[in-house]
Amino acid sequence: KLYYTLLQRMSSENVYPFAGDFRLLDK
């Protein structure tokens, strides 16, 4: 939780906490 909080504040891009690689991606 601490890591994702820091990463969101540091990054200019959206960070989705606890969202891993388990996902469906369109082509």
mmCIF file of all heavy atoms, coordinates in Angstrom:
data_MODEL
# 
_entry.id   MODEL 
# 
loop_
_atom_site.group_PDB 
_atom_site.id 
_atom_site.type_symbol 
_atom_site.label_atom_id 
_atom_site.label_alt_id 
_atom_site.label_comp_id 
_atom_site.label_asym_id 
_atom_site.label_entity_id 
_atom_site.label_seq_id 
_atom_site.pdbx_PDB_ins_code 
_atom_site.Cartn_x 
_atom_site.Cartn_y 
_atom_site.Cartn_z 
_atom_site.occupancy 
_atom_site.B_iso_or_equiv 
_atom_site.pdbx_formal_charge 
_atom_site.auth_seq_id 
_atom_site.auth_comp_id 
_atom_site.auth_asym_id 
_atom_site.auth_atom_id 
_atom_site.pdbx_PDB_model_num 
ATOM 1   N N   . LYS A 1 1  ? 0.829   -1.210  0.000   1.00 0.00 ? 1  LYS A N   1 
ATOM 2   C CA  . LYS A 1 1  ? 0.000   0.000   0.000   1.00 0.00 ? 1  LYS A CA  1 
ATOM 3   C C   . LYS A 1 1  ? 0.859   1.255   0.000   1.00 0.00 ? 1  LYS A C   1 
ATOM 4   O O   . LYS A 1 1  ? 0.577   2.222   -0.731  1.00 0.00 ? 1  LYS A O   1 
ATOM 5   C CB  . LYS A 1 1  ? -0.905  -0.006  1.231   1.00 0.00 ? 1  LYS A CB  1 
ATOM 6   C CG  . LYS A 1 1  ? -1.864  1.173   1.292   1.00 0.00 ? 1  LYS A CG  1 
ATOM 7   C CD  . LYS A 1 1  ? -2.784  1.080   2.506   1.00 0.00 ? 1  LYS A CD  1 
ATOM 8   C CE  . LYS A 1 1  ? -3.747  2.256   2.555   1.00 0.00 ? 1  LYS A CE  1 
ATOM 9   N NZ  . LYS A 1 1  ? -4.653  2.175   3.736   1.00 0.00 ? 1  LYS A NZ  1 
ATOM 10  N N   . LEU A 1 2  ? 1.936   1.251   0.794   1.00 0.00 ? 2  LEU A N   1 
ATOM 11  C CA  . LEU A 1 2  ? 2.836   2.398   0.851   1.00 0.00 ? 2  LEU A CA  1 
ATOM 12  C C   . LEU A 1 2  ? 3.493   2.637   -0.502  1.00 0.00 ? 2  LEU A C   1 
ATOM 13  O O   . LEU A 1 2  ? 3.598   3.775   -0.972  1.00 0.00 ? 2  LEU A O   1 
ATOM 14  C CB  . LEU A 1 2  ? 3.896   2.169   1.926   1.00 0.00 ? 2  LEU A CB  1 
ATOM 15  C CG  . LEU A 1 2  ? 4.976   3.248   2.060   1.00 0.00 ? 2  LEU A CG  1 
ATOM 16  C CD1 . LEU A 1 2  ? 4.353   4.579   2.444   1.00 0.00 ? 2  LEU A CD1 1 
ATOM 17  C CD2 . LEU A 1 2  ? 6.036   2.825   3.068   1.00 0.00 ? 2  LEU A CD2 1 
ATOM 18  N N   . TYR A 1 3  ? 3.925   1.555   -1.145  1.00 0.00 ? 3  TYR A N   1 
ATOM 19  C CA  . TYR A 1 3  ? 4.594   1.678   -2.443  1.00 0.00 ? 3  TYR A CA  1 
ATOM 20  C C   . TYR A 1 3  ? 3.670   2.308   -3.481  1.00 0.00 ? 3  TYR A C   1 
ATOM 21  O O   . TYR A 1 3  ? 4.058   3.241   -4.191  1.00 0.00 ? 3  TYR A O   1 
ATOM 22  C CB  . TYR A 1 3  ? 5.069   0.306   -2.916  1.00 0.00 ? 3  TYR A CB  1 
ATOM 23  C CG  . TYR A 1 3  ? 5.450   0.288   -4.374  1.00 0.00 ? 3  TYR A CG  1 
ATOM 24  C CD1 . TYR A 1 3  ? 6.593   0.946   -4.819  1.00 0.00 ? 3  TYR A CD1 1 
ATOM 25  C CD2 . TYR A 1 3  ? 4.654   -0.361  -5.322  1.00 0.00 ? 3  TYR A CD2 1 
ATOM 26  C CE1 . TYR A 1 3  ? 6.940   0.960   -6.155  1.00 0.00 ? 3  TYR A CE1 1 
ATOM 27  C CE2 . TYR A 1 3  ? 4.997   -0.354  -6.656  1.00 0.00 ? 3  TYR A CE2 1 
ATOM 28  C CZ  . TYR A 1 3  ? 6.142   0.297   -7.067  1.00 0.00 ? 3  TYR A CZ  1 
ATOM 29  O OH  . TYR A 1 3  ? 6.483   0.301   -8.390  1.00 0.00 ? 3  TYR A OH  1 
ATOM 30  N N   . TYR A 1 4  ? 2.446   1.807   -3.586  1.00 0.00 ? 4  TYR A N   1 
ATOM 31  C CA  . TYR A 1 4  ? 1.530   2.341   -4.587  1.00 0.00 ? 4  TYR A CA  1 
ATOM 32  C C   . TYR A 1 4  ? 1.156   3.788   -4.303  1.00 0.00 ? 4  TYR A C   1 
ATOM 33  O O   . TYR A 1 4  ? 0.946   4.590   -5.222  1.00 0.00 ? 4  TYR A O   1 
ATOM 34  C CB  . TYR A 1 4  ? 0.276   1.473   -4.678  1.00 0.00 ? 4  TYR A CB  1 
ATOM 35  C CG  . TYR A 1 4  ? 0.474   0.225   -5.491  1.00 0.00 ? 4  TYR A CG  1 
ATOM 36  C CD1 . TYR A 1 4  ? 0.442   -1.030  -4.891  1.00 0.00 ? 4  TYR A CD1 1 
ATOM 37  C CD2 . TYR A 1 4  ? 0.718   0.291   -6.857  1.00 0.00 ? 4  TYR A CD2 1 
ATOM 38  C CE1 . TYR A 1 4  ? 0.643   -2.184  -5.635  1.00 0.00 ? 4  TYR A CE1 1 
ATOM 39  C CE2 . TYR A 1 4  ? 0.908   -0.858  -7.609  1.00 0.00 ? 4  TYR A CE2 1 
ATOM 40  C CZ  . TYR A 1 4  ? 0.869   -2.092  -6.999  1.00 0.00 ? 4  TYR A CZ  1 
ATOM 41  O OH  . TYR A 1 4  ? 1.057   -3.225  -7.735  1.00 0.00 ? 4  TYR A OH  1 
ATOM 42  N N   . THR A 1 5  ? 1.083   4.147   -3.016  1.00 0.00 ? 5  THR A N   1 
ATOM 43  C CA  . THR A 1 5  ? 0.804   5.533   -2.662  1.00 0.00 ? 5  THR A CA  1 
ATOM 44  C C   . THR A 1 5  ? 1.934   6.447   -3.123  1.00 0.00 ? 5  THR A C   1 
ATOM 45  O O   . THR A 1 5  ? 1.698   7.509   -3.723  1.00 0.00 ? 5  THR A O   1 
ATOM 46  C CB  . THR A 1 5  ? 0.603   5.667   -1.144  1.00 0.00 ? 5  THR A CB  1 
ATOM 47  O OG1 . THR A 1 5  ? -0.501  4.846   -0.725  1.00 0.00 ? 5  THR A OG1 1 
ATOM 48  C CG2 . THR A 1 5  ? 0.321   7.113   -0.765  1.00 0.00 ? 5  THR A CG2 1 
ATOM 49  N N   . LEU A 1 6  ? 3.174   6.035   -2.843  1.00 0.00 ? 6  LEU A N   1 
ATOM 50  C CA  . LEU A 1 6  ? 4.331   6.828   -3.268  1.00 0.00 ? 6  LEU A CA  1 
ATOM 51  C C   . LEU A 1 6  ? 4.426   6.907   -4.784  1.00 0.00 ? 6  LEU A C   1 
ATOM 52  O O   . LEU A 1 6  ? 4.694   7.968   -5.349  1.00 0.00 ? 6  LEU A O   1 
ATOM 53  C CB  . LEU A 1 6  ? 5.612   6.219   -2.690  1.00 0.00 ? 6  LEU A CB  1 
ATOM 54  C CG  . LEU A 1 6  ? 5.803   6.326   -1.177  1.00 0.00 ? 6  LEU A CG  1 
ATOM 55  C CD1 . LEU A 1 6  ? 7.054   5.563   -0.745  1.00 0.00 ? 6  LEU A CD1 1 
ATOM 56  C CD2 . LEU A 1 6  ? 5.899   7.781   -0.741  1.00 0.00 ? 6  LEU A CD2 1 
ATOM 57  N N   . LEU A 1 7  ? 4.196   5.770   -5.459  1.00 0.00 ? 7  LEU A N   1 
ATOM 58  C CA  . LEU A 1 7  ? 4.313   5.749   -6.909  1.00 0.00 ? 7  LEU A CA  1 
ATOM 59  C C   . LEU A 1 7  ? 3.278   6.662   -7.559  1.00 0.00 ? 7  LEU A C   1 
ATOM 60  O O   . LEU A 1 7  ? 3.580   7.372   -8.519  1.00 0.00 ? 7  LEU A O   1 
ATOM 61  C CB  . LEU A 1 7  ? 4.145   4.312   -7.421  1.00 0.00 ? 7  LEU A CB  1 
ATOM 62  C CG  . LEU A 1 7  ? 4.303   4.109   -8.928  1.00 0.00 ? 7  LEU A CG  1 
ATOM 63  C CD1 . LEU A 1 7  ? 5.684   4.559   -9.392  1.00 0.00 ? 7  LEU A CD1 1 
ATOM 64  C CD2 . LEU A 1 7  ? 4.073   2.644   -9.300  1.00 0.00 ? 7  LEU A CD2 1 
ATOM 65  N N   . GLN A 1 8  ? 2.053   6.680   -7.018  1.00 0.00 ? 8  GLN A N   1 
ATOM 66  C CA  . GLN A 1 8  ? 1.013   7.538   -7.580  1.00 0.00 ? 8  GLN A CA  1 
ATOM 67  C C   . GLN A 1 8  ? 1.368   9.013   -7.418  1.00 0.00 ? 8  GLN A C   1 
ATOM 68  O O   . GLN A 1 8  ? 1.120   9.824   -8.326  1.00 0.00 ? 8  GLN A O   1 
ATOM 69  C CB  . GLN A 1 8  ? -0.327  7.239   -6.910  1.00 0.00 ? 8  GLN A CB  1 
ATOM 70  C CG  . GLN A 1 8  ? -1.489  8.084   -7.436  1.00 0.00 ? 8  GLN A CG  1 
ATOM 71  C CD  . GLN A 1 8  ? -1.795  7.806   -8.893  1.00 0.00 ? 8  GLN A CD  1 
ATOM 72  O OE1 . GLN A 1 8  ? -2.445  6.841   -9.251  1.00 0.00 ? 8  GLN A OE1 1 
ATOM 73  N NE2 . GLN A 1 8  ? -1.298  8.673   -9.782  1.00 0.00 ? 8  GLN A NE2 1 
ATOM 74  N N   . ARG A 1 9  ? 1.944   9.358   -6.275  1.00 0.00 ? 9  ARG A N   1 
ATOM 75  C CA  . ARG A 1 9  ? 2.299   10.752  -6.035  1.00 0.00 ? 9  ARG A CA  1 
ATOM 76  C C   . ARG A 1 9  ? 3.498   11.194  -6.860  1.00 0.00 ? 9  ARG A C   1 
ATOM 77  O O   . ARG A 1 9  ? 3.621   12.360  -7.226  1.00 0.00 ? 9  ARG A O   1 
ATOM 78  C CB  . ARG A 1 9  ? 2.577   10.973  -4.550  1.00 0.00 ? 9  ARG A CB  1 
ATOM 79  C CG  . ARG A 1 9  ? 1.316   10.833  -3.692  1.00 0.00 ? 9  ARG A CG  1 
ATOM 80  C CD  . ARG A 1 9  ? 1.609   11.107  -2.235  1.00 0.00 ? 9  ARG A CD  1 
ATOM 81  N NE  . ARG A 1 9  ? 0.385   11.013  -1.435  1.00 0.00 ? 9  ARG A NE  1 
ATOM 82  C CZ  . ARG A 1 9  ? 0.341   11.198  -0.121  1.00 0.00 ? 9  ARG A CZ  1 
ATOM 83  N NH1 . ARG A 1 9  ? 1.461   11.486  0.541   1.00 0.00 ? 9  ARG A NH1 1 
ATOM 84  N NH2 . ARG A 1 9  ? -0.803  11.100  0.527   1.00 0.00 ? 9  ARG A NH2 1 
ATOM 85  N N   . MET A 1 10 ? 4.397   10.243  -7.151  1.00 0.00 ? 10 MET A N   1 
ATOM 86  C CA  . MET A 1 10 ? 5.603   10.586  -7.907  1.00 0.00 ? 10 MET A CA  1 
ATOM 87  C C   . MET A 1 10 ? 5.361   10.611  -9.413  1.00 0.00 ? 10 MET A C   1 
ATOM 88  O O   . MET A 1 10 ? 6.005   11.359  -10.141 1.00 0.00 ? 10 MET A O   1 
ATOM 89  C CB  . MET A 1 10 ? 6.719   9.580   -7.608  1.00 0.00 ? 10 MET A CB  1 
ATOM 90  C CG  . MET A 1 10 ? 7.311   9.688   -6.228  1.00 0.00 ? 10 MET A CG  1 
ATOM 91  S SD  . MET A 1 10 ? 8.673   8.503   -6.017  1.00 0.00 ? 10 MET A SD  1 
ATOM 92  C CE  . MET A 1 10 ? 9.190   8.906   -4.349  1.00 0.00 ? 10 MET A CE  1 
ATOM 93  N N   . SER A 1 11 ? 4.464   9.757   -9.882  1.00 0.00 ? 11 SER A N   1 
ATOM 94  C CA  . SER A 1 11 ? 4.288   9.579   -11.323 1.00 0.00 ? 11 SER A CA  1 
ATOM 95  C C   . SER A 1 11 ? 3.252   10.542  -11.870 1.00 0.00 ? 11 SER A C   1 
ATOM 96  O O   . SER A 1 11 ? 2.267   10.873  -11.214 1.00 0.00 ? 11 SER A O   1 
ATOM 97  C CB  . SER A 1 11 ? 3.862   8.136   -11.618 1.00 0.00 ? 11 SER A CB  1 
ATOM 98  O OG  . SER A 1 11 ? 3.597   7.971   -13.002 1.00 0.00 ? 11 SER A OG  1 
ATOM 99  N N   . SER A 1 12 ? 3.481   10.961  -13.104 1.00 0.00 ? 12 SER A N   1 
ATOM 100 C CA  . SER A 1 12 ? 2.502   11.794  -13.793 1.00 0.00 ? 12 SER A CA  1 
ATOM 101 C C   . SER A 1 12 ? 1.443   10.948  -14.486 1.00 0.00 ? 12 SER A C   1 
ATOM 102 O O   . SER A 1 12 ? 0.454   11.474  -14.989 1.00 0.00 ? 12 SER A O   1 
ATOM 103 C CB  . SER A 1 12 ? 3.215   12.666  -14.842 1.00 0.00 ? 12 SER A CB  1 
ATOM 104 O OG  . SER A 1 12 ? 3.902   11.854  -15.788 1.00 0.00 ? 12 SER A OG  1 
ATOM 105 N N   . GLU A 1 13 ? 1.663   9.615   -14.525 1.00 0.00 ? 13 GLU A N   1 
ATOM 106 C CA  . GLU A 1 13 ? 0.701   8.702   -15.139 1.00 0.00 ? 13 GLU A CA  1 
ATOM 107 C C   . GLU A 1 13 ? -0.207  8.106   -14.065 1.00 0.00 ? 13 GLU A C   1 
ATOM 108 O O   . GLU A 1 13 ? 0.132   8.078   -12.885 1.00 0.00 ? 13 GLU A O   1 
ATOM 109 C CB  . GLU A 1 13 ? 1.440   7.570   -15.870 1.00 0.00 ? 13 GLU A CB  1 
ATOM 110 C CG  . GLU A 1 13 ? 2.525   8.040   -16.816 1.00 0.00 ? 13 GLU A CG  1 
ATOM 111 C CD  . GLU A 1 13 ? 1.995   8.892   -17.943 1.00 0.00 ? 13 GLU A CD  1 
ATOM 112 O OE1 . GLU A 1 13 ? 0.806   8.741   -18.277 1.00 0.00 ? 13 GLU A OE1 1 
ATOM 113 O OE2 . GLU A 1 13 ? 2.764   9.709   -18.489 1.00 0.00 ? 13 GLU A OE2 1 
ATOM 114 N N   . ASN A 1 14 ? -1.364  7.618   -14.501 1.00 0.00 ? 14 ASN A N   1 
ATOM 115 C CA  . ASN A 1 14 ? -2.272  6.959   -13.576 1.00 0.00 ? 14 ASN A CA  1 
ATOM 116 C C   . ASN A 1 14 ? -1.701  5.619   -13.131 1.00 0.00 ? 14 ASN A C   1 
ATOM 117 O O   . ASN A 1 14 ? -1.215  4.829   -13.940 1.00 0.00 ? 14 ASN A O   1 
ATOM 118 C CB  . ASN A 1 14 ? -3.631  6.735   -14.230 1.00 0.00 ? 14 ASN A CB  1 
ATOM 119 C CG  . ASN A 1 14 ? -4.414  8.034   -14.388 1.00 0.00 ? 14 ASN A CG  1 
ATOM 120 O OD1 . ASN A 1 14 ? -4.270  8.946   -13.577 1.00 0.00 ? 14 ASN A OD1 1 
ATOM 121 N ND2 . ASN A 1 14 ? -5.215  8.119   -15.427 1.00 0.00 ? 14 ASN A ND2 1 
ATOM 122 N N   . VAL A 1 15 ? -1.752  5.371   -11.835 1.00 0.00 ? 15 VAL A N   1 
ATOM 123 C CA  . VAL A 1 15 ? -1.332  4.086   -11.276 1.00 0.00 ? 15 VAL A CA  1 
ATOM 124 C C   . VAL A 1 15 ? -2.552  3.454   -10.629 1.00 0.00 ? 15 VAL A C   1 
ATOM 125 O O   . VAL A 1 15 ? -3.280  4.117   -9.882  1.00 0.00 ? 15 VAL A O   1 
ATOM 126 C CB  . VAL A 1 15 ? -0.216  4.277   -10.226 1.00 0.00 ? 15 VAL A CB  1 
ATOM 127 C CG1 . VAL A 1 15 ? 0.159   2.941   -9.611  1.00 0.00 ? 15 VAL A CG1 1 
ATOM 128 C CG2 . VAL A 1 15 ? 1.001   4.934   -10.855 1.00 0.00 ? 15 VAL A CG2 1 
ATOM 129 N N   . TYR A 1 16 ? -2.782  2.187   -10.939 1.00 0.00 ? 16 TYR A N   1 
ATOM 130 C CA  . TYR A 1 16 ? -3.963  1.497   -10.440 1.00 0.00 ? 16 TYR A CA  1 
ATOM 131 C C   . TYR A 1 16 ? -3.530  0.536   -9.334  1.00 0.00 ? 16 TYR A C   1 
ATOM 132 O O   . TYR A 1 16 ? -3.027  -0.548  -9.620  1.00 0.00 ? 16 TYR A O   1 
ATOM 133 C CB  . TYR A 1 16 ? -4.662  0.747   -11.576 1.00 0.00 ? 16 TYR A CB  1 
ATOM 134 C CG  . TYR A 1 16 ? -5.095  1.683   -12.685 1.00 0.00 ? 16 TYR A CG  1 
ATOM 135 C CD1 . TYR A 1 16 ? -4.247  1.991   -13.736 1.00 0.00 ? 16 TYR A CD1 1 
ATOM 136 C CD2 . TYR A 1 16 ? -6.343  2.277   -12.656 1.00 0.00 ? 16 TYR A CD2 1 
ATOM 137 C CE1 . TYR A 1 16 ? -4.638  2.858   -14.749 1.00 0.00 ? 16 TYR A CE1 1 
ATOM 138 C CE2 . TYR A 1 16 ? -6.754  3.151   -13.668 1.00 0.00 ? 16 TYR A CE2 1 
ATOM 139 C CZ  . TYR A 1 16 ? -5.886  3.432   -14.708 1.00 0.00 ? 16 TYR A CZ  1 
ATOM 140 O OH  . TYR A 1 16 ? -6.267  4.295   -15.700 1.00 0.00 ? 16 TYR A OH  1 
ATOM 141 N N   . PRO A 1 17 ? -3.697  0.930   -8.065  1.00 0.00 ? 17 PRO A N   1 
ATOM 142 C CA  . PRO A 1 17 ? -3.220  0.108   -6.948  1.00 0.00 ? 17 PRO A CA  1 
ATOM 143 C C   . PRO A 1 17 ? -3.836  -1.288  -6.964  1.00 0.00 ? 17 PRO A C   1 
ATOM 144 O O   . PRO A 1 17 ? -5.028  -1.464  -7.216  1.00 0.00 ? 17 PRO A O   1 
ATOM 145 C CB  . PRO A 1 17 ? -3.658  0.902   -5.710  1.00 0.00 ? 17 PRO A CB  1 
ATOM 146 C CG  . PRO A 1 17 ? -3.819  2.304   -6.193  1.00 0.00 ? 17 PRO A CG  1 
ATOM 147 C CD  . PRO A 1 17 ? -4.305  2.185   -7.598  1.00 0.00 ? 17 PRO A CD  1 
ATOM 148 N N   . PHE A 1 18 ? -2.980  -2.267  -6.704  1.00 0.00 ? 18 PHE A N   1 
ATOM 149 C CA  . PHE A 1 18 ? -3.385  -3.676  -6.568  1.00 0.00 ? 18 PHE A CA  1 
ATOM 150 C C   . PHE A 1 18 ? -3.945  -4.253  -7.873  1.00 0.00 ? 18 PHE A C   1 
ATOM 151 O O   . PHE A 1 18 ? -4.543  -5.322  -7.863  1.00 0.00 ? 18 PHE A O   1 
ATOM 152 C CB  . PHE A 1 18 ? -4.389  -3.845  -5.429  1.00 0.00 ? 18 PHE A CB  1 
ATOM 153 C CG  . PHE A 1 18 ? -3.908  -3.260  -4.132  1.00 0.00 ? 18 PHE A CG  1 
ATOM 154 C CD1 . PHE A 1 18 ? -4.479  -2.101  -3.621  1.00 0.00 ? 18 PHE A CD1 1 
ATOM 155 C CD2 . PHE A 1 18 ? -2.872  -3.852  -3.450  1.00 0.00 ? 18 PHE A CD2 1 
ATOM 156 C CE1 . PHE A 1 18 ? -4.023  -1.548  -2.429  1.00 0.00 ? 18 PHE A CE1 1 
ATOM 157 C CE2 . PHE A 1 18 ? -2.405  -3.314  -2.257  1.00 0.00 ? 18 PHE A CE2 1 
ATOM 158 C CZ  . PHE A 1 18 ? -2.970  -2.166  -1.754  1.00 0.00 ? 18 PHE A CZ  1 
ATOM 159 N N   . ALA A 1 19 ? -3.793  -3.525  -8.977  1.00 0.00 ? 19 ALA A N   1 
ATOM 160 C CA  . ALA A 1 19 ? -4.160  -4.071  -10.292 1.00 0.00 ? 19 ALA A CA  1 
ATOM 161 C C   . ALA A 1 19 ? -2.906  -4.670  -10.903 1.00 0.00 ? 19 ALA A C   1 
ATOM 162 O O   . ALA A 1 19 ? -1.967  -3.959  -11.247 1.00 0.00 ? 19 ALA A O   1 
ATOM 163 C CB  . ALA A 1 19 ? -4.728  -2.980  -11.186 1.00 0.00 ? 19 ALA A CB  1 
ATOM 164 N N   . GLY A 1 20 ? -2.884  -5.977  -11.026 1.00 0.00 ? 20 GLY A N   1 
ATOM 165 C CA  . GLY A 1 20 ? -1.703  -6.648  -11.547 1.00 0.00 ? 20 GLY A CA  1 
ATOM 166 C C   . GLY A 1 20 ? -1.824  -6.916  -13.037 1.00 0.00 ? 20 GLY A C   1 
ATOM 167 O O   . GLY A 1 20 ? -2.425  -6.147  -13.792 1.00 0.00 ? 20 GLY A O   1 
ATOM 168 N N   . ASP A 1 21 ? -1.274  -8.044  -13.456 1.00 0.00 ? 21 ASP A N   1 
ATOM 169 C CA  . ASP A 1 21 ? -1.269  -8.410  -14.867 1.00 0.00 ? 21 ASP A CA  1 
ATOM 170 C C   . ASP A 1 21 ? -2.489  -9.231  -15.257 1.00 0.00 ? 21 ASP A C   1 
ATOM 171 O O   . ASP A 1 21 ? -2.668  -9.539  -16.434 1.00 0.00 ? 21 ASP A O   1 
ATOM 172 C CB  . ASP A 1 21 ? 0.002   -9.198  -15.186 1.00 0.00 ? 21 ASP A CB  1 
ATOM 173 C CG  . ASP A 1 21 ? 1.254   -8.386  -14.919 1.00 0.00 ? 21 ASP A CG  1 
ATOM 174 O OD1 . ASP A 1 21 ? 1.346   -7.264  -15.435 1.00 0.00 ? 21 ASP A OD1 1 
ATOM 175 O OD2 . ASP A 1 21 ? 2.136   -8.871  -14.171 1.00 0.00 ? 21 ASP A OD2 1 
ATOM 176 N N   . PHE A 1 22 ? -3.312  -9.605  -14.295 1.00 0.00 ? 22 PHE A N   1 
ATOM 177 C CA  . PHE A 1 22 ? -4.517  -10.383 -14.581 1.00 0.00 ? 22 PHE A CA  1 
ATOM 178 C C   . PHE A 1 22 ? -5.544  -9.453  -15.209 1.00 0.00 ? 22 PHE A C   1 
ATOM 179 O O   . PHE A 1 22 ? -6.209  -8.686  -14.529 1.00 0.00 ? 22 PHE A O   1 
ATOM 180 C CB  . PHE A 1 22 ? -5.046  -11.003 -13.298 1.00 0.00 ? 22 PHE A CB  1 
ATOM 181 C CG  . PHE A 1 22 ? -6.230  -11.914 -13.500 1.00 0.00 ? 22 PHE A CG  1 
ATOM 182 C CD1 . PHE A 1 22 ? -6.418  -12.618 -14.673 1.00 0.00 ? 22 PHE A CD1 1 
ATOM 183 C CD2 . PHE A 1 22 ? -7.165  -12.081 -12.488 1.00 0.00 ? 22 PHE A CD2 1 
ATOM 184 C CE1 . PHE A 1 22 ? -7.510  -13.456 -14.846 1.00 0.00 ? 22 PHE A CE1 1 
ATOM 185 C CE2 . PHE A 1 22 ? -8.257  -12.921 -12.642 1.00 0.00 ? 22 PHE A CE2 1 
ATOM 186 C CZ  . PHE A 1 22 ? -8.430  -13.600 -13.836 1.00 0.00 ? 22 PHE A CZ  1 
ATOM 187 N N   . ARG A 1 23 ? -5.680  -9.526  -16.537 1.00 0.00 ? 23 ARG A N   1 
ATOM 188 C CA  . ARG A 1 23 ? -6.548  -8.602  -17.246 1.00 0.00 ? 23 ARG A CA  1 
ATOM 189 C C   . ARG A 1 23 ? -6.805  -9.099  -18.662 1.00 0.00 ? 23 ARG A C   1 
ATOM 190 O O   . ARG A 1 23 ? -6.103  -9.965  -19.171 1.00 0.00 ? 23 ARG A O   1 
ATOM 191 C CB  . ARG A 1 23 ? -5.936  -7.201  -17.301 1.00 0.00 ? 23 ARG A CB  1 
ATOM 192 C CG  . ARG A 1 23 ? -4.597  -7.137  -17.994 1.00 0.00 ? 23 ARG A CG  1 
ATOM 193 C CD  . ARG A 1 23 ? -4.039  -5.718  -17.950 1.00 0.00 ? 23 ARG A CD  1 
ATOM 194 N NE  . ARG A 1 23 ? -3.767  -5.277  -16.607 1.00 0.00 ? 23 ARG A NE  1 
ATOM 195 C CZ  . ARG A 1 23 ? -3.911  -4.031  -16.175 1.00 0.00 ? 23 ARG A CZ  1 
ATOM 196 N NH1 . ARG A 1 23 ? -4.334  -3.087  -16.990 1.00 0.00 ? 23 ARG A NH1 1 
ATOM 197 N NH2 . ARG A 1 23 ? -3.623  -3.693  -14.932 1.00 0.00 ? 23 ARG A NH2 1 
ATOM 198 N N   . LEU A 1 24 ? -7.828  -8.527  -19.265 1.00 0.00 ? 24 LEU A N   1 
ATOM 199 C CA  . LEU A 1 24 ? -8.117  -8.744  -20.679 1.00 0.00 ? 24 LEU A CA  1 
ATOM 200 C C   . LEU A 1 24 ? -7.754  -7.471  -21.424 1.00 0.00 ? 24 LEU A C   1 
ATOM 201 O O   . LEU A 1 24 ? -8.176  -6.372  -21.046 1.00 0.00 ? 24 LEU A O   1 
ATOM 202 C CB  . LEU A 1 24 ? -9.588  -9.086  -20.889 1.00 0.00 ? 24 LEU A CB  1 
ATOM 203 C CG  . LEU A 1 24 ? -10.035 -9.362  -22.333 1.00 0.00 ? 24 LEU A CG  1 
ATOM 204 C CD1 . LEU A 1 24 ? -11.183 -10.367 -22.360 1.00 0.00 ? 24 LEU A CD1 1 
ATOM 205 C CD2 . LEU A 1 24 ? -10.475 -8.076  -23.060 1.00 0.00 ? 24 LEU A CD2 1 
ATOM 206 N N   . LEU A 1 25 ? -6.983  -7.635  -22.501 1.00 0.00 ? 25 LEU A N   1 
ATOM 207 C CA  . LEU A 1 25 ? -6.550  -6.510  -23.314 1.00 0.00 ? 25 LEU A CA  1 
ATOM 208 C C   . LEU A 1 25 ? -7.042  -6.683  -24.740 1.00 0.00 ? 25 LEU A C   1 
ATOM 209 O O   . LEU A 1 25 ? -6.842  -7.752  -25.347 1.00 0.00 ? 25 LEU A O   1 
ATOM 210 C CB  . LEU A 1 25 ? -5.023  -6.397  -23.312 1.00 0.00 ? 25 LEU A CB  1 
ATOM 211 C CG  . LEU A 1 25 ? -4.353  -6.101  -21.975 1.00 0.00 ? 25 LEU A CG  1 
ATOM 212 C CD1 . LEU A 1 25 ? -2.855  -6.311  -22.073 1.00 0.00 ? 25 LEU A CD1 1 
ATOM 213 C CD2 . LEU A 1 25 ? -4.667  -4.680  -21.515 1.00 0.00 ? 25 LEU A CD2 1 
ATOM 214 N N   . ASP A 1 26 ? -7.675  -5.652  -25.264 1.00 0.00 ? 26 ASP A N   1 
ATOM 215 C CA  . ASP A 1 26 ? -8.072  -5.673  -26.657 1.00 0.00 ? 26 ASP A CA  1 
ATOM 216 C C   . ASP A 1 26 ? -6.830  -5.671  -27.548 1.00 0.00 ? 26 ASP A C   1 
ATOM 217 O O   . ASP A 1 26 ? -5.733  -5.278  -27.121 1.00 0.00 ? 26 ASP A O   1 
ATOM 218 C CB  . ASP A 1 26 ? -8.931  -4.440  -26.952 1.00 0.00 ? 26 ASP A CB  1 
ATOM 219 C CG  . ASP A 1 26 ? -9.488  -4.444  -28.363 1.00 0.00 ? 26 ASP A CG  1 
ATOM 220 O OD1 . ASP A 1 26 ? -10.538 -5.078  -28.582 1.00 0.00 ? 26 ASP A OD1 1 
ATOM 221 O OD2 . ASP A 1 26 ? -8.857  -3.814  -29.243 1.00 0.00 ? 26 ASP A OD2 1 
ATOM 222 N N   . LYS A 1 27 ? -7.002  -6.117  -28.779 1.00 0.00 ? 27 LYS A N   1 
ATOM 223 C CA  . LYS A 1 27 ? -5.871  -6.191  -29.701 1.00 0.00 ? 27 LYS A CA  1 
ATOM 224 C C   . LYS A 1 27 ? -5.198  -4.843  -29.884 1.00 0.00 ? 27 LYS A C   1 
ATOM 225 O O   . LYS A 1 27 ? -3.977  -4.763  -30.069 1.00 0.00 ? 27 LYS A O   1 
ATOM 226 C CB  . LYS A 1 27 ? -6.341  -6.737  -31.051 1.00 0.00 ? 27 LYS A CB  1 
ATOM 227 C CG  . LYS A 1 27 ? -5.217  -7.064  -32.011 1.00 0.00 ? 27 LYS A CG  1 
ATOM 228 C CD  . LYS A 1 27 ? -5.735  -7.760  -33.257 1.00 0.00 ? 27 LYS A CD  1 
ATOM 229 C CE  . LYS A 1 27 ? -4.583  -8.165  -34.171 1.00 0.00 ? 27 LYS A CE  1 
ATOM 230 N NZ  . LYS A 1 27 ? -5.070  -8.910  -35.359 1.00 0.00 ? 27 LYS A NZ  1 
# 
